């Protein structure tokens, strides 16, 4: 709660509740009409006494007890691993199912670009279209790129499965289903 506090009872409540930065601005009459700027943006109880969420996160992350608990049932790493493994199942629809199809479409697009280049480049006779397209280093490199893209289909599938695992883990964390 950030703002100006003019009530003394509210000020006492804020001090008991952990308001850390209270500054007084004395008014004209000097009575209980002080103005306090209450900055309670640093909760301490939820962070186990650490002043920042990063400290609490690092302490919990590098704790052996919490590390091993993440791999057990209900742990977020377990949720990520199970979601990734189920996404790699070729018989269930998931983000990884689109990996091979995406790689095939990209490879076909690159191959068609190489054919279009070979058909539209000027040749040494003054016409249009390469007479020996495989002698062109540009065409060969474009076809090599298309073959590399086609061969990377399993990596596309793995990346899709990992992305789905991260998404499922994030949803699980947001819903409080994993710790």
Protein backbone atom coordinates (compact mmCIF):
# COMPACT_ATOMS: atom_id res chain seq x y z
CA UNK A 1 0.00 0.00 0.00
CA UNK A 2 1.60 3.24 -1.10
CA UNK A 3 -0.06 6.50 -0.16
CA UNK A 4 -0.49 9.17 2.44
CA UNK A 5 -1.76 8.01 5.82
CA UNK A 6 -3.35 10.64 8.06
CA UNK A 7 -5.00 8.45 10.71
CA UNK A 8 -2.94 7.59 13.82
CA UNK A 9 -4.77 4.29 14.38
CA UNK A 10 -4.00 3.26 10.83
CA UNK A 11 -0.36 4.22 11.37
CA UNK A 12 -0.14 2.00 14.46
CA UNK A 13 -1.71 -0.85 12.48
CA UNK A 14 0.80 -0.36 9.65
CA UNK A 15 3.74 -0.41 12.04
CA UNK A 16 2.53 -3.67 13.60
CA UNK A 17 1.87 -5.15 10.15
CA UNK A 18 5.41 -4.61 8.89
CA UNK A 19 5.37 -1.23 7.16
CA UNK A 20 9.07 -0.62 6.72
CA UNK A 21 9.43 2.91 5.40
CA UNK A 22 7.42 5.40 7.41
CA UNK A 23 8.41 9.05 7.12
CA UNK A 24 6.68 11.80 9.07
CA UNK A 25 5.90 15.22 7.76
CA UNK A 26 4.84 17.45 10.68
CA UNK A 27 1.89 19.66 9.97
CA UNK A 28 1.13 23.09 11.38
CA UNK A 29 -0.59 22.01 14.62
CA UNK A 30 1.98 19.34 15.63
CA UNK A 31 -0.75 17.02 16.96
CA UNK A 32 -1.67 13.57 15.63
CA UNK A 33 -2.11 15.13 12.25
CA UNK A 34 1.22 13.85 10.97
CA UNK A 35 1.37 12.58 7.41
CA UNK A 36 3.15 9.30 6.91
CA UNK A 37 4.20 7.79 3.63
CA UNK A 38 3.65 4.07 4.06
CA UNK A 39 5.70 1.78 1.86
CA UNK A 40 4.74 -1.82 2.49
CA UNK A 41 5.95 -3.15 -0.84
CA UNK A 42 8.50 -5.38 0.88
CA UNK A 43 6.63 -8.21 2.60
CA UNK A 44 8.81 -10.21 4.92
CA UNK A 45 6.65 -13.08 6.17
CA UNK A 46 6.03 -14.64 2.75
CA UNK A 47 9.74 -14.59 1.96
CA UNK A 48 10.95 -16.34 5.12
CA UNK A 49 12.57 -13.20 6.45
CA UNK A 50 14.43 -12.38 3.22
CA UNK A 51 13.95 -8.78 2.07
CA UNK A 52 13.44 -9.70 -1.58
CA UNK A 53 11.68 -12.44 -3.48
CA UNK A 54 14.94 -13.21 -5.31
CA UNK A 55 16.68 -14.13 -2.05
CA UNK A 56 13.85 -16.43 -1.06
CA UNK A 57 13.75 -17.95 -4.53
CA UNK A 58 17.50 -18.59 -4.57
CA UNK A 59 17.43 -20.03 -1.06
CA UNK A 60 14.62 -22.42 -1.96
CA UNK A 61 16.08 -23.24 -5.37
CA UNK A 62 19.49 -24.27 -4.08
CA UNK A 63 18.17 -26.17 -1.09
CA UNK A 64 18.72 -29.95 -1.37
CA UNK A 65 15.36 -30.67 0.26
CA UNK A 66 13.49 -28.55 -2.27
CA UNK A 67 15.62 -29.82 -5.16
CA UNK A 68 14.75 -33.47 -4.56
CA UNK A 69 11.11 -32.65 -3.83
CA UNK A 70 10.75 -31.09 -7.29
CA UNK A 71 11.25 -34.50 -8.91
CA UNK A 72 8.60 -36.22 -6.78
CA UNK A 73 4.87 -36.29 -7.43
CA UNK A 74 3.54 -32.72 -7.19
CA UNK A 75 6.87 -31.08 -8.00
CA UNK A 76 7.10 -28.61 -10.86
CA UNK A 77 10.06 -30.39 -12.48
CA UNK A 78 8.03 -33.60 -12.41
CA UNK A 79 5.10 -31.79 -14.08
CA UNK A 80 7.47 -30.42 -16.75
CA UNK A 81 9.03 -33.84 -17.39
CA UNK A 82 5.70 -35.63 -17.64
CA UNK A 83 4.22 -32.98 -19.95
CA UNK A 84 7.30 -33.08 -22.20
CA UNK A 85 7.29 -36.88 -22.33
CA UNK A 86 3.59 -37.02 -23.18
CA UNK A 87 4.09 -34.37 -25.86
CA UNK A 88 6.76 -36.55 -27.50
CA UNK A 89 4.20 -39.35 -27.94
CA UNK A 90 3.63 -39.42 -31.72
CA UNK A 91 0.07 -40.70 -31.34
CA UNK A 92 -1.25 -37.77 -29.31
CA UNK A 93 -1.81 -34.29 -30.74
CA UNK A 94 0.60 -31.76 -29.26
CA UNK A 95 3.00 -29.01 -30.24
CA UNK A 96 5.64 -31.61 -31.13
CA UNK A 97 3.26 -33.23 -33.63
CA UNK A 98 3.65 -30.18 -35.83
CA UNK A 99 7.47 -30.50 -35.91
CA UNK A 100 7.82 -32.82 -38.89
CA UNK A 101 5.14 -31.06 -40.89
CA UNK A 102 6.68 -27.67 -40.20
CA UNK A 103 10.12 -28.86 -41.24
CA UNK A 104 8.72 -30.40 -44.44
CA UNK A 105 6.89 -27.19 -45.37
CA UNK A 106 9.97 -25.07 -44.70
CA UNK A 107 12.21 -27.43 -46.69
CA UNK A 108 9.79 -27.43 -49.63
CA UNK A 109 9.65 -23.64 -49.53
CA UNK A 110 13.44 -23.41 -49.58
CA UNK A 111 13.71 -25.93 -52.41
CA UNK A 112 11.10 -24.00 -54.41
CA UNK A 113 13.10 -20.80 -53.84
CA UNK A 114 16.18 -22.53 -55.29
CA UNK A 115 14.21 -23.68 -58.34
CA UNK A 116 12.75 -20.19 -58.80
CA UNK A 117 16.23 -18.65 -58.57
CA UNK A 118 17.59 -21.12 -61.14
CA UNK A 119 14.69 -20.41 -63.49
CA UNK A 120 14.94 -16.62 -63.24
CA UNK A 121 18.71 -16.02 -63.22
CA UNK A 122 20.25 -14.83 -66.48
CA UNK A 123 22.40 -17.40 -68.29
CA UNK A 124 25.57 -16.92 -70.30
CA UNK A 125 23.69 -17.12 -73.62
CA UNK A 126 21.75 -13.97 -72.77
CA UNK A 127 18.51 -15.72 -71.91
CA UNK A 128 16.72 -16.37 -68.65
CA UNK A 129 17.24 -19.55 -66.61
CA UNK A 130 20.43 -21.32 -65.70
CA UNK A 131 21.45 -23.95 -68.23
CA UNK A 132 23.35 -26.00 -65.62
CA UNK A 133 21.74 -25.02 -62.31
CA UNK A 134 23.81 -27.41 -60.18
CA UNK A 135 27.00 -25.63 -61.30
CA UNK A 136 25.73 -22.51 -59.52
CA UNK A 137 27.08 -22.22 -55.97
CA UNK A 138 23.99 -20.21 -55.00
CA UNK A 139 21.62 -22.98 -56.10
CA UNK A 140 23.74 -25.66 -54.42
CA UNK A 141 23.81 -23.73 -51.13
CA UNK A 142 20.04 -23.13 -51.28
CA UNK A 143 19.41 -26.85 -51.82
CA UNK A 144 21.83 -27.72 -48.99
CA UNK A 145 19.89 -25.39 -46.70
CA UNK A 146 16.63 -27.08 -47.71
CA UNK A 147 18.12 -30.52 -46.95
CA UNK A 148 19.37 -29.32 -43.55
CA UNK A 149 15.92 -27.96 -42.71
CA UNK A 150 14.29 -31.26 -43.70
CA UNK A 151 16.76 -33.18 -41.52
CA UNK A 152 16.02 -30.97 -38.50
CA UNK A 153 12.43 -32.23 -38.13
CA UNK A 154 13.21 -34.22 -34.94
CA UNK A 155 14.68 -31.09 -33.37
CA UNK A 156 11.52 -29.15 -34.26
CA UNK A 157 9.49 -31.89 -32.55
CA UNK A 158 11.73 -31.83 -29.46
CA UNK A 159 11.52 -28.03 -29.24
CA UNK A 160 7.73 -28.22 -29.49
CA UNK A 161 7.60 -30.81 -26.71
CA UNK A 162 9.85 -28.70 -24.47
CA UNK A 163 7.71 -25.64 -25.14
CA UNK A 164 4.58 -27.58 -24.26
CA UNK A 165 6.26 -28.79 -21.06
CA UNK A 166 7.10 -25.21 -20.07
CA UNK A 167 3.55 -24.07 -20.81
CA UNK A 168 1.98 -26.89 -18.77
CA UNK A 169 4.41 -26.25 -15.90
CA UNK A 170 3.61 -22.52 -15.95
CA UNK A 171 -0.13 -23.20 -15.88
CA UNK A 172 0.38 -25.68 -13.05
CA UNK A 173 2.43 -23.15 -11.09
CA UNK A 174 -0.17 -20.43 -11.65
CA UNK A 175 -2.92 -22.70 -10.38
CA UNK A 176 -0.86 -23.76 -7.36
CA UNK A 177 -0.86 -27.41 -8.39
CA UNK A 178 2.90 -27.84 -8.06
CA UNK A 179 5.39 -26.61 -5.48
